[in-house]
Amino acid sequence: YQSERPVFVSVFFSFAFGIIFSVFYFFFYHAVLLRNLRKQKKEIKRLKHLVAAEREKHGTMEERNSELQQIVERVQSRVGSQDDLEPLVLENKETAKITD
C-alpha cells in the first residue's frame, strides 16, 4: 500500500518555508540596518563634538587675534611717533654742527 501525498501539502510547506525564510530575512536585514544606524549616530555625535571643539578653538583664536592686532597697532603708533621725533632730532643735530 503506497500513499501519495496530496499536492496541497507540498504547496503548503513550500509557502510555509518561504514565509519563515522571509520573516528571518526581514529580522536579520533590519538588525543590520539598525546596527549601521547606531554606528552613524555615534559618528554624527563624534563629529558634532569635533565641530564644537573647533568652533571653540576658533573663537578663542579670534579673541587672541584681536588682542594681537591691538598690540601691533600700539607698537606701530609708538614707532610712528618715534619716527616723527627723529627728523626733529636730526635737524637739531645738523643745526648744532653748523653752529659749531
N, C-alpha and C. Protein backbone atom coordinates (compact mmCIF):
# COMPACT_ATOMS: atom_id res chain seq x y z
N TYR A 1 0.84 -1.16 0.00
CA TYR A 1 0.00 0.00 0.00
C TYR A 1 0.88 1.23 0.00
N GLN A 2 0.83 2.05 -1.00
CA GLN A 2 1.57 3.30 -1.10
C GLN A 2 0.59 4.45 -1.04
N SER A 3 0.94 5.38 -0.14
CA SER A 3 0.08 6.56 -0.06
C SER A 3 0.83 7.73 -0.69
N GLU A 4 0.16 8.43 -1.49
CA GLU A 4 0.75 9.61 -2.11
C GLU A 4 0.34 10.84 -1.32
N ARG A 5 1.32 11.73 -1.21
CA ARG A 5 0.99 12.99 -0.54
C ARG A 5 0.15 13.83 -1.47
N PRO A 6 -0.83 14.46 -0.90
CA PRO A 6 -1.62 15.36 -1.75
C PRO A 6 -0.78 16.57 -2.17
N VAL A 7 -1.10 17.16 -3.26
CA VAL A 7 -0.35 18.29 -3.80
C VAL A 7 -0.40 19.48 -2.84
N PHE A 8 -1.53 19.67 -2.17
CA PHE A 8 -1.66 20.85 -1.31
C PHE A 8 -0.67 20.81 -0.16
N VAL A 9 -0.24 19.61 0.28
CA VAL A 9 0.74 19.52 1.37
C VAL A 9 2.08 20.09 0.90
N SER A 10 2.51 19.72 -0.28
CA SER A 10 3.76 20.26 -0.83
C SER A 10 3.67 21.77 -1.01
N VAL A 11 2.56 22.22 -1.53
CA VAL A 11 2.36 23.66 -1.73
C VAL A 11 2.34 24.38 -0.39
N PHE A 12 1.65 23.80 0.60
CA PHE A 12 1.54 24.40 1.93
C PHE A 12 2.93 24.54 2.56
N PHE A 13 3.73 23.45 2.52
CA PHE A 13 5.06 23.51 3.13
C PHE A 13 5.99 24.47 2.36
N SER A 14 5.84 24.52 1.06
CA SER A 14 6.65 25.47 0.28
C SER A 14 6.35 26.90 0.71
N PHE A 15 5.06 27.23 0.80
CA PHE A 15 4.68 28.58 1.24
C PHE A 15 5.11 28.83 2.68
N ALA A 16 4.96 27.83 3.53
CA ALA A 16 5.31 27.99 4.94
C ALA A 16 6.81 28.26 5.08
N PHE A 17 7.63 27.46 4.38
CA PHE A 17 9.08 27.69 4.45
C PHE A 17 9.46 29.04 3.83
N GLY A 18 8.77 29.44 2.79
CA GLY A 18 9.02 30.75 2.18
C GLY A 18 8.70 31.88 3.15
N ILE A 19 7.57 31.75 3.84
CA ILE A 19 7.18 32.78 4.81
C ILE A 19 8.17 32.82 5.97
N ILE A 20 8.56 31.64 6.47
CA ILE A 20 9.51 31.60 7.58
C ILE A 20 10.85 32.21 7.16
N PHE A 21 11.31 31.85 5.96
CA PHE A 21 12.55 32.43 5.45
C PHE A 21 12.43 33.95 5.33
N SER A 22 11.30 34.44 4.83
CA SER A 22 11.09 35.88 4.68
C SER A 22 11.13 36.59 6.03
N VAL A 23 10.51 35.99 7.04
CA VAL A 23 10.49 36.60 8.37
C VAL A 23 11.91 36.66 8.94
N PHE A 24 12.65 35.55 8.83
CA PHE A 24 14.03 35.56 9.31
C PHE A 24 14.88 36.57 8.55
N TYR A 25 14.71 36.62 7.24
CA TYR A 25 15.47 37.57 6.43
C TYR A 25 15.14 39.00 6.83
N PHE A 26 13.85 39.27 7.05
CA PHE A 26 13.40 40.60 7.46
C PHE A 26 14.07 41.01 8.76
N PHE A 27 14.05 40.14 9.77
CA PHE A 27 14.64 40.48 11.06
C PHE A 27 16.16 40.64 10.96
N PHE A 28 16.79 39.75 10.21
CA PHE A 28 18.25 39.84 10.06
C PHE A 28 18.64 41.12 9.33
N TYR A 29 17.94 41.43 8.24
CA TYR A 29 18.25 42.61 7.45
C TYR A 29 18.05 43.88 8.28
N HIS A 30 16.96 43.95 9.03
CA HIS A 30 16.69 45.13 9.83
C HIS A 30 17.63 45.24 11.03
N ALA A 31 18.10 44.10 11.53
CA ALA A 31 19.11 44.16 12.59
C ALA A 31 20.39 44.78 12.05
N VAL A 32 20.76 44.42 10.83
CA VAL A 32 21.95 45.01 10.20
C VAL A 32 21.73 46.51 9.98
N LEU A 33 20.54 46.88 9.51
CA LEU A 33 20.24 48.30 9.30
C LEU A 33 20.30 49.08 10.61
N LEU A 34 19.76 48.51 11.67
CA LEU A 34 19.79 49.19 12.97
C LEU A 34 21.22 49.34 13.49
N ARG A 35 22.05 48.32 13.26
CA ARG A 35 23.45 48.41 13.67
C ARG A 35 24.15 49.54 12.92
N ASN A 36 23.90 49.61 11.61
CA ASN A 36 24.50 50.69 10.82
C ASN A 36 23.99 52.06 11.27
N LEU A 37 22.71 52.13 11.61
CA LEU A 37 22.14 53.39 12.10
C LEU A 37 22.79 53.81 13.41
N ARG A 38 23.00 52.85 14.31
CA ARG A 38 23.68 53.16 15.58
C ARG A 38 25.10 53.66 15.33
N LYS A 39 25.80 53.01 14.39
CA LYS A 39 27.16 53.45 14.05
C LYS A 39 27.14 54.88 13.51
N GLN A 40 26.16 55.16 12.64
CA GLN A 40 26.06 56.51 12.07
C GLN A 40 25.75 57.54 13.14
N LYS A 41 24.88 57.19 14.08
CA LYS A 41 24.54 58.12 15.16
C LYS A 41 25.77 58.41 16.02
N LYS A 42 26.56 57.37 16.31
CA LYS A 42 27.79 57.57 17.09
C LYS A 42 28.76 58.46 16.32
N GLU A 43 28.89 58.21 15.01
CA GLU A 43 29.79 59.01 14.19
C GLU A 43 29.32 60.47 14.13
N ILE A 44 28.01 60.68 13.99
CA ILE A 44 27.46 62.03 13.96
C ILE A 44 27.73 62.74 15.29
N LYS A 45 27.54 62.03 16.39
CA LYS A 45 27.78 62.61 17.70
C LYS A 45 29.26 62.99 17.85
N ARG A 46 30.15 62.11 17.41
CA ARG A 46 31.58 62.39 17.49
C ARG A 46 31.95 63.60 16.64
N LEU A 47 31.38 63.67 15.43
CA LEU A 47 31.67 64.79 14.55
C LEU A 47 31.13 66.10 15.11
N LYS A 48 29.95 66.04 15.75
CA LYS A 48 29.40 67.25 16.37
C LYS A 48 30.31 67.75 17.48
N HIS A 49 30.87 66.82 18.26
CA HIS A 49 31.80 67.22 19.32
C HIS A 49 33.06 67.84 18.71
N LEU A 50 33.54 67.27 17.60
CA LEU A 50 34.72 67.83 16.94
C LEU A 50 34.43 69.24 16.41
N VAL A 51 33.25 69.41 15.81
CA VAL A 51 32.88 70.73 15.29
C VAL A 51 32.78 71.74 16.42
N ALA A 52 32.17 71.33 17.53
CA ALA A 52 32.06 72.24 18.68
C ALA A 52 33.44 72.62 19.20
N ALA A 53 34.34 71.65 19.28
CA ALA A 53 35.69 71.93 19.76
C ALA A 53 36.42 72.88 18.80
N GLU A 54 36.26 72.66 17.50
CA GLU A 54 36.91 73.54 16.52
C GLU A 54 36.33 74.95 16.59
N ARG A 55 35.01 75.05 16.74
CA ARG A 55 34.39 76.38 16.85
C ARG A 55 34.89 77.09 18.10
N GLU A 56 35.00 76.36 19.19
CA GLU A 56 35.51 76.95 20.43
C GLU A 56 36.95 77.41 20.24
N LYS A 57 37.74 76.56 19.58
CA LYS A 57 39.14 76.91 19.34
C LYS A 57 39.24 78.15 18.47
N HIS A 58 38.42 78.22 17.41
CA HIS A 58 38.47 79.38 16.52
C HIS A 58 37.96 80.63 17.23
N GLY A 59 37.00 80.46 18.15
CA GLY A 59 36.53 81.60 18.93
C GLY A 59 37.63 82.17 19.77
N THR A 60 38.38 81.32 20.45
CA THR A 60 39.49 81.80 21.27
C THR A 60 40.61 82.34 20.39
N MET A 61 40.77 81.75 19.21
CA MET A 61 41.79 82.24 18.29
C MET A 61 41.43 83.64 17.79
N GLU A 62 40.13 83.87 17.55
CA GLU A 62 39.71 85.20 17.10
C GLU A 62 39.96 86.23 18.20
N GLU A 63 39.68 85.85 19.45
CA GLU A 63 39.97 86.76 20.56
C GLU A 63 41.46 87.05 20.63
N ARG A 64 42.25 86.01 20.49
CA ARG A 64 43.71 86.18 20.54
C ARG A 64 44.18 87.05 19.38
N ASN A 65 43.60 86.83 18.19
CA ASN A 65 43.98 87.64 17.04
C ASN A 65 43.65 89.11 17.26
N SER A 66 42.49 89.39 17.86
CA SER A 66 42.14 90.79 18.12
C SER A 66 43.09 91.40 19.14
N GLU A 67 43.47 90.63 20.17
CA GLU A 67 44.44 91.13 21.14
C GLU A 67 45.78 91.42 20.47
N LEU A 68 46.22 90.50 19.62
CA LEU A 68 47.49 90.71 18.92
C LEU A 68 47.41 91.92 17.99
N GLN A 69 46.26 92.09 17.34
CA GLN A 69 46.08 93.23 16.45
C GLN A 69 46.17 94.54 17.23
N GLN A 70 45.58 94.57 18.42
CA GLN A 70 45.66 95.77 19.26
C GLN A 70 47.11 96.05 19.67
N ILE A 71 47.84 95.00 20.02
CA ILE A 71 49.25 95.16 20.39
C ILE A 71 50.04 95.70 19.22
N VAL A 72 49.80 95.15 18.03
CA VAL A 72 50.51 95.60 16.83
C VAL A 72 50.20 97.07 16.56
N GLU A 73 48.93 97.46 16.69
CA GLU A 73 48.56 98.85 16.46
C GLU A 73 49.26 99.78 17.45
N ARG A 74 49.33 99.37 18.72
CA ARG A 74 50.01 100.18 19.73
C ARG A 74 51.49 100.34 19.40
N VAL A 75 52.12 99.23 19.02
CA VAL A 75 53.54 99.27 18.67
C VAL A 75 53.76 100.15 17.45
N GLN A 76 52.88 100.02 16.45
CA GLN A 76 53.02 100.84 15.25
C GLN A 76 52.84 102.32 15.56
N SER A 77 51.90 102.63 16.45
CA SER A 77 51.70 104.04 16.81
C SER A 77 52.92 104.57 17.56
N ARG A 78 53.52 103.76 18.42
CA ARG A 78 54.74 104.18 19.12
C ARG A 78 55.88 104.39 18.14
N VAL A 79 56.03 103.45 17.21
CA VAL A 79 57.09 103.57 16.20
C VAL A 79 56.83 104.80 15.35
N GLY A 80 55.57 105.03 15.00
CA GLY A 80 55.22 106.22 14.20
C GLY A 80 55.55 107.49 14.94
N SER A 81 55.27 107.55 16.23
CA SER A 81 55.59 108.76 17.00
C SER A 81 57.10 108.93 17.12
N GLN A 82 57.84 107.84 17.23
CA GLN A 82 59.30 107.93 17.28
C GLN A 82 59.85 108.39 15.93
N ASP A 83 59.23 107.92 14.84
CA ASP A 83 59.66 108.36 13.51
C ASP A 83 59.42 109.85 13.35
N ASP A 84 58.34 110.36 13.92
CA ASP A 84 58.06 111.79 13.85
C ASP A 84 59.10 112.59 14.62
N LEU A 85 59.60 112.05 15.71
CA LEU A 85 60.57 112.76 16.53
C LEU A 85 61.97 112.72 15.92
N GLU A 86 62.29 111.67 15.19
CA GLU A 86 63.64 111.51 14.64
C GLU A 86 64.04 112.65 13.70
N PRO A 87 63.18 113.13 12.78
CA PRO A 87 63.61 114.25 11.93
C PRO A 87 63.93 115.50 12.75
N LEU A 88 63.17 115.72 13.82
CA LEU A 88 63.46 116.88 14.66
C LEU A 88 64.82 116.74 15.33
N VAL A 89 65.13 115.56 15.81
CA VAL A 89 66.42 115.31 16.46
C VAL A 89 67.55 115.49 15.46
N LEU A 90 67.35 114.97 14.22
CA LEU A 90 68.38 115.10 13.19
C LEU A 90 68.58 116.57 12.83
N GLU A 91 67.49 117.32 12.71
CA GLU A 91 67.60 118.74 12.38
C GLU A 91 68.35 119.49 13.48
N ASN A 92 68.04 119.14 14.74
CA ASN A 92 68.72 119.79 15.85
C ASN A 92 70.21 119.48 15.83
N LYS A 93 70.58 118.24 15.49
CA LYS A 93 71.99 117.86 15.43
C LYS A 93 72.68 118.60 14.29
N GLU A 94 71.99 118.71 13.14
CA GLU A 94 72.58 119.39 11.99
C GLU A 94 72.79 120.88 12.30
N THR A 95 71.80 121.47 12.93
CA THR A 95 71.95 122.89 13.27
C THR A 95 73.05 123.09 14.30
N ALA A 96 73.18 122.11 15.20
CA ALA A 96 74.25 122.20 16.19
C ALA A 96 75.61 122.09 15.52
N LYS A 97 75.74 121.22 14.51
CA LYS A 97 77.01 121.07 13.79
C LYS A 97 77.33 122.35 13.01
N ILE A 98 76.30 122.92 12.41
CA ILE A 98 76.51 124.12 11.60
C ILE A 98 76.96 125.29 12.49
N THR A 99 76.35 125.39 13.65
CA THR A 99 76.70 126.49 14.55
C THR A 99 78.08 126.30 15.16
N ASP A 100 78.55 125.07 15.24
CA ASP A 100 79.89 124.82 15.83
C ASP A 100 80.92 125.14 14.86
